[in-house]
Amino acid sequence: MFGINQKRVFASAATAALVFAATANADVVWDEAIDGSLSTDRFNTTDFGTLAVGSNNAIGSTVSGISKFFTFTISEGTEFSALVVDGWESLDDLGFLGIVEGDFFDVDPAAPDVTQLLGYYHYGLEDIGLDILPAMGAAPGAQGFDAPLGPGTYSFWVRQGGPDIADWNLNFVVTPTPGAIAILALGGFAGTRRRQ
């Protein structure tokens, strides 16, 4: 039989495994090669819906100053914990990614004001495999935020300034909030105690 401390360790390990398994799952929420082009209308963004716990990849391309816009929602009990550049291929050095709160992009790309952005980042080849969400929150002049971002709706502006096509794969990672993890752990612990 397990002792009380062994049961706590077992419940914690089970919870950690559950969270890891959830975040390890990859789901492509939009692939322009399959789903068509993302919206170029900032008032009518492409809506990815509510993101699931785990990896949520958006795959697309930008070129020649064309702006594209998309939106997603983070539900209660989860948080937007990382934005990993899973892929970047272009002769250009960098692309641009901006974020605002809400279900449309309320900053005019023709006359951008960074003080109206929640955050932004210039990303490229050197960022492959890296989480750029903290850097977006620390962008000079932007409103700023500390990652992770909590429940709510967020809209993004992705742009490529140069004449060369940039193909990108962005991974929006969603995890349970610490409170949700604690509830899972307590549930697992309670289940083990009932079996004594």
N, C-alpha and C. Protein backbone atom coordinates (compact mmCIF):
# COMPACT_ATOMS: atom_id res chain seq x y z
N MET A 1 0.85 -1.20 0.00
CA MET A 1 0.00 0.00 0.00
C MET A 1 0.88 1.24 0.00
N PHE A 2 0.37 2.30 -0.61
CA PHE A 2 1.08 3.56 -0.63
C PHE A 2 0.89 4.30 0.68
N GLY A 3 1.96 4.94 1.19
CA GLY A 3 1.85 5.85 2.32
C GLY A 3 1.30 7.18 1.84
N ILE A 4 0.93 8.06 2.78
CA ILE A 4 0.31 9.35 2.43
C ILE A 4 1.23 10.21 1.56
N ASN A 5 2.54 10.24 1.85
CA ASN A 5 3.47 11.04 1.06
C ASN A 5 3.65 10.45 -0.33
N GLN A 6 3.66 9.13 -0.42
CA GLN A 6 3.78 8.49 -1.72
C GLN A 6 2.57 8.80 -2.59
N LYS A 7 1.39 8.87 -1.97
CA LYS A 7 0.18 9.19 -2.71
C LYS A 7 0.22 10.62 -3.23
N ARG A 8 0.75 11.53 -2.42
CA ARG A 8 0.88 12.92 -2.87
C ARG A 8 1.82 13.02 -4.06
N VAL A 9 2.95 12.32 -3.98
CA VAL A 9 3.91 12.32 -5.07
C VAL A 9 3.27 11.72 -6.32
N PHE A 10 2.54 10.61 -6.14
CA PHE A 10 1.88 9.96 -7.26
C PHE A 10 0.86 10.89 -7.91
N ALA A 11 0.05 11.56 -7.09
CA ALA A 11 -0.97 12.48 -7.62
C ALA A 11 -0.31 13.64 -8.35
N SER A 12 0.78 14.19 -7.79
CA SER A 12 1.48 15.29 -8.44
C SER A 12 2.09 14.84 -9.76
N ALA A 13 2.69 13.65 -9.76
CA ALA A 13 3.30 13.13 -10.98
C ALA A 13 2.23 12.87 -12.04
N ALA A 14 1.08 12.36 -11.63
CA ALA A 14 0.00 12.10 -12.57
C ALA A 14 -0.50 13.40 -13.17
N THR A 15 -0.63 14.43 -12.34
CA THR A 15 -1.07 15.73 -12.83
C THR A 15 -0.07 16.32 -13.80
N ALA A 16 1.22 16.24 -13.45
CA ALA A 16 2.27 16.76 -14.33
C ALA A 16 2.26 16.02 -15.67
N ALA A 17 2.04 14.72 -15.63
CA ALA A 17 1.98 13.93 -16.87
C ALA A 17 0.79 14.35 -17.71
N LEU A 18 -0.35 14.61 -17.07
CA LEU A 18 -1.54 15.04 -17.78
C LEU A 18 -1.30 16.38 -18.48
N VAL A 19 -0.70 17.32 -17.77
CA VAL A 19 -0.41 18.64 -18.34
C VAL A 19 0.58 18.52 -19.48
N PHE A 20 1.65 17.71 -19.27
CA PHE A 20 2.65 17.53 -20.33
C PHE A 20 2.01 16.92 -21.57
N ALA A 21 1.17 15.92 -21.38
CA ALA A 21 0.52 15.27 -22.52
C ALA A 21 -0.36 16.26 -23.27
N ALA A 22 -1.05 17.12 -22.53
CA ALA A 22 -1.92 18.10 -23.17
C ALA A 22 -1.12 19.10 -23.97
N THR A 23 -0.01 19.60 -23.40
CA THR A 23 0.78 20.60 -24.09
C THR A 23 1.61 19.99 -25.21
N ALA A 24 1.84 18.70 -25.16
CA ALA A 24 2.62 18.05 -26.22
C ALA A 24 1.78 17.84 -27.48
N ASN A 25 0.46 17.82 -27.35
CA ASN A 25 -0.41 17.64 -28.50
C ASN A 25 -0.32 18.85 -29.42
N ALA A 26 -0.13 18.60 -30.71
CA ALA A 26 -0.05 19.69 -31.68
C ALA A 26 -1.31 19.69 -32.53
N ASP A 27 -1.84 20.87 -32.77
CA ASP A 27 -3.01 21.01 -33.61
C ASP A 27 -2.80 22.22 -34.51
N VAL A 28 -2.96 22.03 -35.80
CA VAL A 28 -2.86 23.14 -36.74
C VAL A 28 -4.24 23.81 -36.81
N VAL A 29 -4.31 25.05 -36.32
CA VAL A 29 -5.59 25.76 -36.32
C VAL A 29 -5.85 26.48 -37.64
N TRP A 30 -4.76 26.77 -38.38
CA TRP A 30 -4.93 27.38 -39.70
C TRP A 30 -3.68 27.11 -40.52
N ASP A 31 -3.87 26.63 -41.73
CA ASP A 31 -2.78 26.44 -42.68
C ASP A 31 -3.25 27.05 -44.00
N GLU A 32 -2.59 28.13 -44.41
CA GLU A 32 -3.05 28.84 -45.61
C GLU A 32 -3.03 27.94 -46.85
N ALA A 33 -2.15 26.95 -46.89
CA ALA A 33 -2.10 26.05 -48.04
C ALA A 33 -3.36 25.20 -48.13
N ILE A 34 -4.03 25.00 -47.01
CA ILE A 34 -5.24 24.17 -46.96
C ILE A 34 -6.49 25.02 -46.75
N ASP A 35 -6.41 25.97 -45.81
CA ASP A 35 -7.59 26.72 -45.37
C ASP A 35 -7.80 28.04 -46.11
N GLY A 36 -6.86 28.43 -46.96
CA GLY A 36 -6.97 29.68 -47.68
C GLY A 36 -6.25 30.81 -46.94
N SER A 37 -6.16 31.93 -47.58
CA SER A 37 -5.43 33.07 -47.04
C SER A 37 -6.09 33.63 -45.78
N LEU A 38 -5.25 34.05 -44.86
CA LEU A 38 -5.76 34.79 -43.71
C LEU A 38 -6.34 36.12 -44.17
N SER A 39 -7.22 36.68 -43.38
CA SER A 39 -7.88 37.93 -43.73
C SER A 39 -6.88 39.08 -43.85
N THR A 40 -7.12 39.95 -44.82
CA THR A 40 -6.35 41.19 -44.95
C THR A 40 -7.17 42.38 -44.44
N ASP A 41 -8.32 42.09 -43.85
CA ASP A 41 -9.21 43.12 -43.30
C ASP A 41 -9.12 43.10 -41.77
N ARG A 42 -8.53 44.14 -41.21
CA ARG A 42 -8.31 44.16 -39.76
C ARG A 42 -9.60 44.24 -38.96
N PHE A 43 -10.70 44.65 -39.59
CA PHE A 43 -11.99 44.70 -38.91
C PHE A 43 -12.76 43.39 -39.03
N ASN A 44 -12.28 42.51 -39.88
CA ASN A 44 -12.91 41.21 -40.10
C ASN A 44 -11.82 40.14 -40.15
N THR A 45 -11.20 39.92 -39.00
CA THR A 45 -10.05 39.03 -38.91
C THR A 45 -10.47 37.56 -39.10
N THR A 46 -9.51 36.73 -39.47
CA THR A 46 -9.74 35.29 -39.48
C THR A 46 -9.81 34.82 -38.03
N ASP A 47 -10.89 34.15 -37.68
CA ASP A 47 -11.12 33.75 -36.28
C ASP A 47 -10.76 32.27 -36.10
N PHE A 48 -9.74 32.01 -35.28
CA PHE A 48 -9.35 30.63 -34.98
C PHE A 48 -10.24 30.00 -33.92
N GLY A 49 -11.15 30.78 -33.33
CA GLY A 49 -12.02 30.26 -32.28
C GLY A 49 -11.28 30.18 -30.95
N THR A 50 -11.77 29.32 -30.08
CA THR A 50 -11.14 29.13 -28.76
C THR A 50 -10.05 28.09 -28.89
N LEU A 51 -8.83 28.47 -28.49
CA LEU A 51 -7.71 27.55 -28.61
C LEU A 51 -7.76 26.47 -27.53
N ALA A 52 -7.41 25.25 -27.92
CA ALA A 52 -7.37 24.12 -27.00
C ALA A 52 -6.05 24.14 -26.23
N VAL A 53 -6.04 23.46 -25.10
CA VAL A 53 -4.80 23.29 -24.36
C VAL A 53 -3.83 22.49 -25.23
N GLY A 54 -2.61 22.98 -25.34
CA GLY A 54 -1.59 22.36 -26.16
C GLY A 54 -1.04 23.33 -27.17
N SER A 55 -0.47 22.79 -28.24
CA SER A 55 0.10 23.59 -29.31
C SER A 55 -0.96 23.89 -30.35
N ASN A 56 -1.02 25.14 -30.77
CA ASN A 56 -1.98 25.58 -31.78
C ASN A 56 -1.19 26.32 -32.86
N ASN A 57 -0.92 25.63 -33.97
CA ASN A 57 -0.06 26.20 -35.00
C ASN A 57 -0.84 26.92 -36.08
N ALA A 58 -0.33 28.09 -36.45
CA ALA A 58 -0.83 28.83 -37.61
C ALA A 58 0.32 28.87 -38.62
N ILE A 59 0.04 28.46 -39.85
CA ILE A 59 1.05 28.36 -40.89
C ILE A 59 0.62 29.23 -42.06
N GLY A 60 1.51 30.12 -42.49
CA GLY A 60 1.15 30.99 -43.58
C GLY A 60 2.34 31.65 -44.22
N SER A 61 2.06 32.65 -45.04
CA SER A 61 3.13 33.39 -45.70
C SER A 61 2.71 34.84 -45.86
N THR A 62 3.70 35.70 -45.92
CA THR A 62 3.47 37.13 -46.13
C THR A 62 4.54 37.65 -47.09
N VAL A 63 4.23 38.76 -47.74
CA VAL A 63 5.16 39.33 -48.71
C VAL A 63 4.79 40.78 -49.00
N SER A 64 5.77 41.58 -49.33
CA SER A 64 5.59 42.92 -49.91
C SER A 64 4.65 43.84 -49.14
N GLY A 65 4.75 43.84 -47.84
CA GLY A 65 3.97 44.78 -47.04
C GLY A 65 2.51 44.43 -46.90
N ILE A 66 2.08 43.25 -47.34
CA ILE A 66 0.69 42.83 -47.19
C ILE A 66 0.46 42.43 -45.74
N SER A 67 -0.54 43.03 -45.12
CA SER A 67 -0.87 42.72 -43.72
C SER A 67 -1.97 41.67 -43.67
N LYS A 68 -1.82 40.76 -42.72
CA LYS A 68 -2.85 39.75 -42.48
C LYS A 68 -3.22 39.77 -41.01
N PHE A 69 -4.48 39.38 -40.71
CA PHE A 69 -5.01 39.52 -39.36
C PHE A 69 -5.76 38.26 -38.93
N PHE A 70 -5.56 37.88 -37.67
CA PHE A 70 -6.30 36.75 -37.12
C PHE A 70 -6.56 36.97 -35.64
N THR A 71 -7.53 36.23 -35.14
CA THR A 71 -8.02 36.38 -33.77
C THR A 71 -8.20 35.01 -33.15
N PHE A 72 -7.98 34.92 -31.84
CA PHE A 72 -8.36 33.71 -31.12
C PHE A 72 -8.75 34.07 -29.70
N THR A 73 -9.40 33.12 -29.03
CA THR A 73 -9.87 33.31 -27.67
C THR A 73 -9.19 32.30 -26.75
N ILE A 74 -8.83 32.78 -25.55
CA ILE A 74 -8.30 31.94 -24.50
C ILE A 74 -9.41 31.79 -23.45
N SER A 75 -9.80 30.56 -23.17
CA SER A 75 -10.95 30.33 -22.29
C SER A 75 -10.56 30.39 -20.82
N GLU A 76 -11.57 30.49 -19.96
CA GLU A 76 -11.37 30.46 -18.51
C GLU A 76 -10.68 29.14 -18.13
N GLY A 77 -9.77 29.23 -17.18
CA GLY A 77 -9.06 28.04 -16.73
C GLY A 77 -7.82 27.72 -17.55
N THR A 78 -7.57 28.53 -18.60
CA THR A 78 -6.37 28.34 -19.41
C THR A 78 -5.66 29.67 -19.58
N GLU A 79 -4.42 29.61 -20.09
CA GLU A 79 -3.67 30.82 -20.36
C GLU A 79 -2.80 30.63 -21.60
N PHE A 80 -2.56 31.74 -22.28
CA PHE A 80 -1.69 31.78 -23.45
C PHE A 80 -0.27 31.92 -22.90
N SER A 81 0.44 30.80 -22.85
CA SER A 81 1.70 30.78 -22.10
C SER A 81 2.96 30.92 -22.94
N ALA A 82 2.88 30.67 -24.24
CA ALA A 82 4.08 30.79 -25.07
C ALA A 82 3.69 30.99 -26.53
N LEU A 83 4.57 31.65 -27.26
CA LEU A 83 4.42 31.81 -28.71
C LEU A 83 5.77 31.40 -29.31
N VAL A 84 5.82 30.18 -29.80
CA VAL A 84 7.08 29.62 -30.29
C VAL A 84 7.12 29.72 -31.82
N VAL A 85 8.25 30.21 -32.34
CA VAL A 85 8.45 30.26 -33.79
C VAL A 85 8.90 28.86 -34.22
N ASP A 86 7.96 28.07 -34.74
CA ASP A 86 8.28 26.71 -35.16
C ASP A 86 8.93 26.68 -36.54
N GLY A 87 8.73 27.74 -37.32
CA GLY A 87 9.33 27.77 -38.64
C GLY A 87 9.40 29.17 -39.22
N TRP A 88 10.45 29.42 -39.99
CA TRP A 88 10.62 30.69 -40.70
C TRP A 88 11.54 30.43 -41.89
N GLU A 89 11.09 30.80 -43.08
CA GLU A 89 11.92 30.64 -44.27
C GLU A 89 11.70 31.83 -45.18
N SER A 90 12.76 32.60 -45.38
CA SER A 90 12.69 33.78 -46.23
C SER A 90 14.08 34.32 -46.48
N LEU A 91 14.24 35.04 -47.59
CA LEU A 91 15.48 35.76 -47.85
C LEU A 91 15.52 37.05 -47.04
N ASP A 92 14.36 37.51 -46.59
CA ASP A 92 14.29 38.69 -45.71
C ASP A 92 14.70 38.29 -44.30
N ASP A 93 15.24 39.25 -43.57
CA ASP A 93 15.71 38.97 -42.22
C ASP A 93 14.57 38.76 -41.23
N LEU A 94 13.55 39.62 -41.30
CA LEU A 94 12.56 39.66 -40.23
C LEU A 94 11.15 39.86 -40.74
N GLY A 95 10.21 39.33 -39.97
CA GLY A 95 8.79 39.62 -40.14
C GLY A 95 8.31 40.39 -38.93
N PHE A 96 7.08 40.83 -38.98
CA PHE A 96 6.51 41.61 -37.87
C PHE A 96 5.25 40.93 -37.37
N LEU A 97 5.09 40.94 -36.04
CA LEU A 97 3.89 40.39 -35.41
C LEU A 97 3.46 41.33 -34.30
N GLY A 98 2.23 41.83 -34.38
CA GLY A 98 1.68 42.71 -33.35
C GLY A 98 0.45 42.09 -32.72
N ILE A 99 0.15 42.47 -31.48
CA ILE A 99 -0.99 41.92 -30.75
C ILE A 99 -1.77 43.04 -30.07
N VAL A 100 -3.10 42.93 -30.09
CA VAL A 100 -4.00 43.80 -29.35
C VAL A 100 -5.04 42.93 -28.66
N GLU A 101 -5.72 43.50 -27.69
CA GLU A 101 -6.86 42.80 -27.09
C GLU A 101 -8.11 43.11 -27.89
N GLY A 102 -9.00 42.12 -28.00
CA GLY A 102 -10.26 42.32 -28.70
C GLY A 102 -10.38 41.47 -29.93
N ASP A 103 -11.58 41.51 -30.56
CA ASP A 103 -11.86 40.62 -31.68
C ASP A 103 -11.62 41.26 -33.05
N PHE A 104 -10.96 42.39 -33.09
CA PHE A 104 -10.50 42.97 -34.34
C PHE A 104 -9.22 43.75 -34.05
N PHE A 105 -8.50 44.11 -35.11
CA PHE A 105 -7.23 44.80 -34.91
C PHE A 105 -7.46 46.29 -35.04
N ASP A 106 -7.50 47.01 -33.90
CA ASP A 106 -7.91 48.41 -33.91
C ASP A 106 -6.79 49.40 -34.18
N VAL A 107 -5.60 48.93 -34.56
CA VAL A 107 -4.49 49.81 -34.91
C VAL A 107 -4.36 49.84 -36.43
N ASP A 108 -4.30 51.04 -37.00
CA ASP A 108 -4.24 51.21 -38.45
C ASP A 108 -2.82 50.91 -38.95
N PRO A 109 -2.64 49.88 -39.76
CA PRO A 109 -1.31 49.57 -40.28
C PRO A 109 -0.73 50.67 -41.17
N ALA A 110 -1.61 51.51 -41.74
CA ALA A 110 -1.13 52.59 -42.59
C ALA A 110 -0.47 53.70 -41.79
N ALA A 111 -0.83 53.82 -40.51
CA ALA A 111 -0.23 54.82 -39.63
C ALA A 111 -0.11 54.20 -38.24
N PRO A 112 0.76 53.19 -38.11
CA PRO A 112 0.82 52.45 -36.84
C PRO A 112 1.35 53.28 -35.68
N ASP A 113 0.72 53.12 -34.55
CA ASP A 113 1.12 53.78 -33.31
C ASP A 113 1.39 52.67 -32.30
N VAL A 114 2.68 52.44 -31.99
CA VAL A 114 3.02 51.31 -31.12
C VAL A 114 2.42 51.44 -29.73
N THR A 115 2.09 52.66 -29.31
CA THR A 115 1.49 52.84 -27.98
C THR A 115 0.10 52.23 -27.91
N GLN A 116 -0.50 51.96 -29.07
CA GLN A 116 -1.82 51.34 -29.11
C GLN A 116 -1.74 49.81 -29.15
N LEU A 117 -0.54 49.29 -29.33
CA LEU A 117 -0.36 47.84 -29.38
C LEU A 117 -0.14 47.29 -27.97
N LEU A 118 -0.71 46.12 -27.71
CA LEU A 118 -0.42 45.44 -26.45
C LEU A 118 1.04 45.00 -26.46
N GLY A 119 1.52 44.59 -27.62
CA GLY A 119 2.91 44.19 -27.78
C GLY A 119 3.21 43.93 -29.24
N TYR A 120 4.49 43.75 -29.56
CA TYR A 120 4.90 43.43 -30.92
C TYR A 120 6.30 42.84 -30.90
N TYR A 121 6.70 42.26 -32.04
CA TYR A 121 8.05 41.70 -32.13
C TYR A 121 8.43 41.53 -33.59
N HIS A 122 9.69 41.74 -33.90
CA HIS A 122 10.25 41.46 -35.21
C HIS A 122 10.97 40.11 -35.11
N TYR A 123 10.46 39.11 -35.80
CA TYR A 123 10.97 37.75 -35.64
C TYR A 123 11.51 37.23 -36.97
N GLY A 124 12.36 36.21 -36.87
CA GLY A 124 12.93 35.64 -38.08
C GLY A 124 13.68 34.36 -37.80
N LEU A 125 14.64 34.06 -38.65
CA LEU A 125 15.37 32.80 -38.61
C LEU A 125 15.99 32.51 -37.25
N GLU A 126 16.55 33.55 -36.62
CA GLU A 126 17.23 33.34 -35.34
C GLU A 126 16.28 33.00 -34.19
N ASP A 127 14.97 33.18 -34.43
CA ASP A 127 13.99 32.92 -33.38
C ASP A 127 13.37 31.53 -33.46
N ILE A 128 13.76 30.74 -34.45
CA ILE A 128 13.18 29.40 -34.58
C ILE A 128 13.43 28.60 -33.31
N GLY A 129 12.36 28.05 -32.77
CA GLY A 129 12.44 27.25 -31.55
C GLY A 129 12.33 28.06 -30.27
N LEU A 130 12.25 29.39 -30.40
CA LEU A 130 12.21 30.25 -29.22
C LEU A 130 10.79 30.74 -28.93
N ASP A 131 10.53 31.00 -27.66
CA ASP A 131 9.28 31.61 -27.20
C ASP A 131 9.44 33.12 -27.28
N ILE A 132 8.71 33.77 -28.18
CA ILE A 132 8.84 35.22 -28.36
C ILE A 132 7.77 36.01 -27.59
N LEU A 133 6.88 35.32 -26.86
CA LEU A 133 5.81 36.03 -26.16
C LEU A 133 6.34 37.03 -25.13
N PRO A 134 7.33 36.68 -24.29
CA PRO A 134 7.85 37.66 -23.33
C PRO A 134 8.45 38.89 -24.02
N ALA A 135 9.13 38.68 -25.16
CA ALA A 135 9.72 39.80 -25.90
C ALA A 135 8.64 40.69 -26.48
N MET A 136 7.52 40.12 -26.92
CA MET A 136 6.40 40.93 -27.41
C MET A 136 5.88 41.83 -26.30
N GLY A 137 5.78 41.28 -25.10
CA GLY A 137 5.27 42.05 -23.97
C GLY A 137 6.21 43.16 -23.53
N ALA A 138 7.49 43.03 -23.88
CA ALA A 138 8.49 44.02 -23.48
C ALA A 138 8.88 44.96 -24.62
N ALA A 139 8.10 44.98 -25.70
CA ALA A 139 8.44 45.80 -26.87
C ALA A 139 8.46 47.29 -26.53
N PRO A 140 9.48 48.01 -26.98
CA PRO A 140 9.58 49.45 -26.68
C PRO A 140 8.36 50.24 -27.15
N GLY A 141 7.79 51.02 -26.25
CA GLY A 141 6.68 51.90 -26.58
C GLY A 141 5.31 51.27 -26.50
N ALA A 142 5.24 49.93 -26.52
CA ALA A 142 3.94 49.26 -26.47
C ALA A 142 3.36 49.31 -25.06
N GLN A 143 2.08 48.98 -24.95
CA GLN A 143 1.43 48.96 -23.64
C GLN A 143 2.12 47.95 -22.72
N GLY A 144 2.52 46.82 -23.28
CA GLY A 144 3.27 45.83 -22.55
C GLY A 144 2.41 44.88 -21.73
N PHE A 145 2.99 43.73 -21.44
CA PHE A 145 2.33 42.72 -20.61
C PHE A 145 3.38 41.75 -20.11
N ASP A 146 3.02 41.04 -19.06
CA ASP A 146 3.84 39.95 -18.55
C ASP A 146 3.20 38.63 -18.97
N ALA A 147 3.96 37.81 -19.63
CA ALA A 147 3.45 36.49 -20.03
C ALA A 147 3.36 35.60 -18.78
N PRO A 148 2.38 34.71 -18.73
CA PRO A 148 1.39 34.39 -19.74
C PRO A 148 0.23 35.39 -19.77
N LEU A 149 -0.54 35.33 -20.86
CA LEU A 149 -1.74 36.14 -20.98
C LEU A 149 -2.95 35.29 -20.58
N GLY A 150 -3.84 35.90 -19.82
CA GLY A 150 -5.00 35.18 -19.30
C GLY A 150 -6.16 35.09 -20.28
N PRO A 151 -7.30 34.63 -19.78
CA PRO A 151 -8.48 34.48 -20.63
C PRO A 151 -8.87 35.79 -21.29
N GLY A 152 -9.34 35.67 -22.52
CA GLY A 152 -9.76 36.84 -23.28
C GLY A 152 -9.61 36.58 -24.76
N THR A 153 -9.88 37.60 -25.56
CA THR A 153 -9.76 37.50 -27.01
C THR A 153 -8.63 38.41 -27.46
N TYR A 154 -7.78 37.88 -28.33
CA TYR A 154 -6.60 38.60 -28.80
C TYR A 154 -6.56 38.58 -30.32
N SER A 155 -6.15 39.70 -30.90
CA SER A 155 -6.02 39.79 -32.36
C SER A 155 -4.58 40.11 -32.73
N PHE A 156 -4.16 39.57 -33.87
CA PHE A 156 -2.77 39.67 -34.31
C PHE A 156 -2.68 40.27 -35.70
N TRP A 157 -1.59 40.98 -35.92
CA TRP A 157 -1.25 41.56 -37.21
C TRP A 157 0.10 40.97 -37.60
N VAL A 158 0.13 40.25 -38.72
CA VAL A 158 1.38 39.69 -39.21
C VAL A 158 1.69 40.35 -40.56
N ARG A 159 2.97 40.72 -40.73
CA ARG A 159 3.34 41.52 -41.91
C ARG A 159 4.77 41.20 -42.32
N GLN A 160 5.01 41.29 -43.60
CA GLN A 160 6.36 41.15 -44.15
C GLN A 160 6.64 42.39 -44.99
N GLY A 161 7.68 43.13 -44.65
CA GLY A 161 7.95 44.38 -45.33
C GLY A 161 8.66 44.25 -46.66
N GLY A 162 9.50 43.22 -46.80
CA GLY A 162 10.33 43.09 -47.98
C GLY A 162 9.64 42.41 -49.15
N PRO A 163 10.32 42.37 -50.30
CA PRO A 163 9.73 41.79 -51.51
C PRO A 163 9.79 40.27 -51.57
N ASP A 164 10.54 39.65 -50.64
CA ASP A 164 10.68 38.20 -50.67
C ASP A 164 9.63 37.54 -49.79
N ILE A 165 9.07 36.46 -50.27
CA ILE A 165 8.04 35.73 -49.51
C ILE A 165 8.65 35.19 -48.22
N ALA A 166 7.90 35.32 -47.16
CA ALA A 166 8.28 34.72 -45.87
C ALA A 166 7.25 33.66 -45.52
N ASP A 167 7.71 32.44 -45.35
CA ASP A 167 6.84 31.34 -44.91
C ASP A 167 7.10 31.13 -43.42
N TRP A 168 6.04 31.12 -42.62
CA TRP A 168 6.19 31.05 -41.17
C TRP A 168 5.23 30.03 -40.57
N ASN A 169 5.64 29.54 -39.41
CA ASN A 169 4.83 28.60 -38.63
C ASN A 169 4.91 29.06 -37.17
N LEU A 170 3.81 29.59 -36.66
CA LEU A 170 3.76 30.13 -35.30
C LEU A 170 2.93 29.21 -34.42
N ASN A 171 3.49 28.89 -33.26
CA ASN A 171 2.87 27.95 -32.34
C ASN A 171 2.37 28.69 -31.10
N PHE A 172 1.06 28.79 -30.96
CA PHE A 172 0.44 29.47 -29.83
C PHE A 172 0.13 28.40 -28.77
N VAL A 173 0.91 28.41 -27.70
CA VAL A 173 0.82 27.36 -26.69
C VAL A 173 -0.12 27.78 -25.57
N VAL A 174 -1.09 26.93 -25.29
CA VAL A 174 -2.08 27.18 -24.24
C VAL A 174 -1.92 26.10 -23.17
N THR A 175 -1.89 26.53 -21.92
CA THR A 175 -1.76 25.60 -20.79
C THR A 175 -2.85 25.89 -19.76
N PRO A 176 -3.16 24.91 -18.90
CA PRO A 176 -4.09 25.19 -17.80
C PRO A 176 -3.49 26.23 -16.86
N THR A 177 -4.34 27.05 -16.27
CA THR A 177 -3.86 28.00 -15.27
C THR A 177 -3.40 27.23 -14.04
N PRO A 178 -2.52 27.84 -13.22
CA PRO A 178 -2.08 27.15 -12.00
C PRO A 178 -3.25 26.70 -11.13
N GLY A 179 -4.32 27.50 -11.06
CA GLY A 179 -5.50 27.12 -10.28
C GLY A 179 -6.15 25.87 -10.81
N ALA A 180 -6.21 25.75 -12.16
CA ALA A 180 -6.81 24.56 -12.77
C ALA A 180 -5.95 23.34 -12.51
N ILE A 181 -4.62 23.52 -12.54
CA ILE A 181 -3.71 22.41 -12.26
C ILE A 181 -3.88 21.96 -10.81
N ALA A 182 -4.02 22.94 -9.90
CA ALA A 182 -4.20 22.60 -8.49
C ALA A 182 -5.48 21.80 -8.27
N ILE A 183 -6.54 22.16 -8.99
CA ILE A 183 -7.81 21.43 -8.87
C ILE A 183 -7.63 20.00 -9.37
N LEU A 184 -6.90 19.85 -10.50
CA LEU A 184 -6.63 18.50 -11.01
C LEU A 184 -5.84 17.69 -9.99
N ALA A 185 -4.84 18.32 -9.38
CA ALA A 185 -4.01 17.62 -8.40
C ALA A 185 -4.83 17.21 -7.19
N LEU A 186 -5.69 18.12 -6.72
CA LEU A 186 -6.54 17.80 -5.56
C LEU A 186 -7.50 16.67 -5.89
N GLY A 187 -8.01 16.70 -7.11
CA GLY A 187 -8.92 15.63 -7.53
C GLY A 187 -8.20 14.29 -7.56
N GLY A 188 -6.96 14.28 -8.10
CA GLY A 188 -6.17 13.05 -8.13
C GLY A 188 -5.83 12.57 -6.74
N PHE A 189 -5.49 13.51 -5.85
CA PHE A 189 -5.14 13.15 -4.48
C PHE A 189 -6.36 12.60 -3.74
N ALA A 190 -7.50 13.27 -3.93
CA ALA A 190 -8.73 12.80 -3.28
C ALA A 190 -9.08 11.40 -3.75
N GLY A 191 -8.86 11.15 -5.06
CA GLY A 191 -9.16 9.82 -5.59
C GLY A 191 -8.29 8.75 -4.97
N THR A 192 -7.02 9.07 -4.74
CA THR A 192 -6.14 8.08 -4.13
C THR A 192 -6.49 7.86 -2.67
N ARG A 193 -6.92 8.90 -1.97
CA ARG A 193 -7.28 8.75 -0.55
C ARG A 193 -8.51 7.86 -0.39
N ARG A 194 -9.45 7.96 -1.32
CA ARG A 194 -10.68 7.16 -1.20
C ARG A 194 -10.39 5.67 -1.33
N ARG A 195 -9.25 5.33 -1.98
CA ARG A 195 -8.95 3.92 -2.18
C ARG A 195 -8.25 3.28 -1.00
N GLN A 196 -7.99 4.00 0.09
CA GLN A 196 -7.28 3.44 1.27
C GLN A 196 -8.02 2.27 1.86
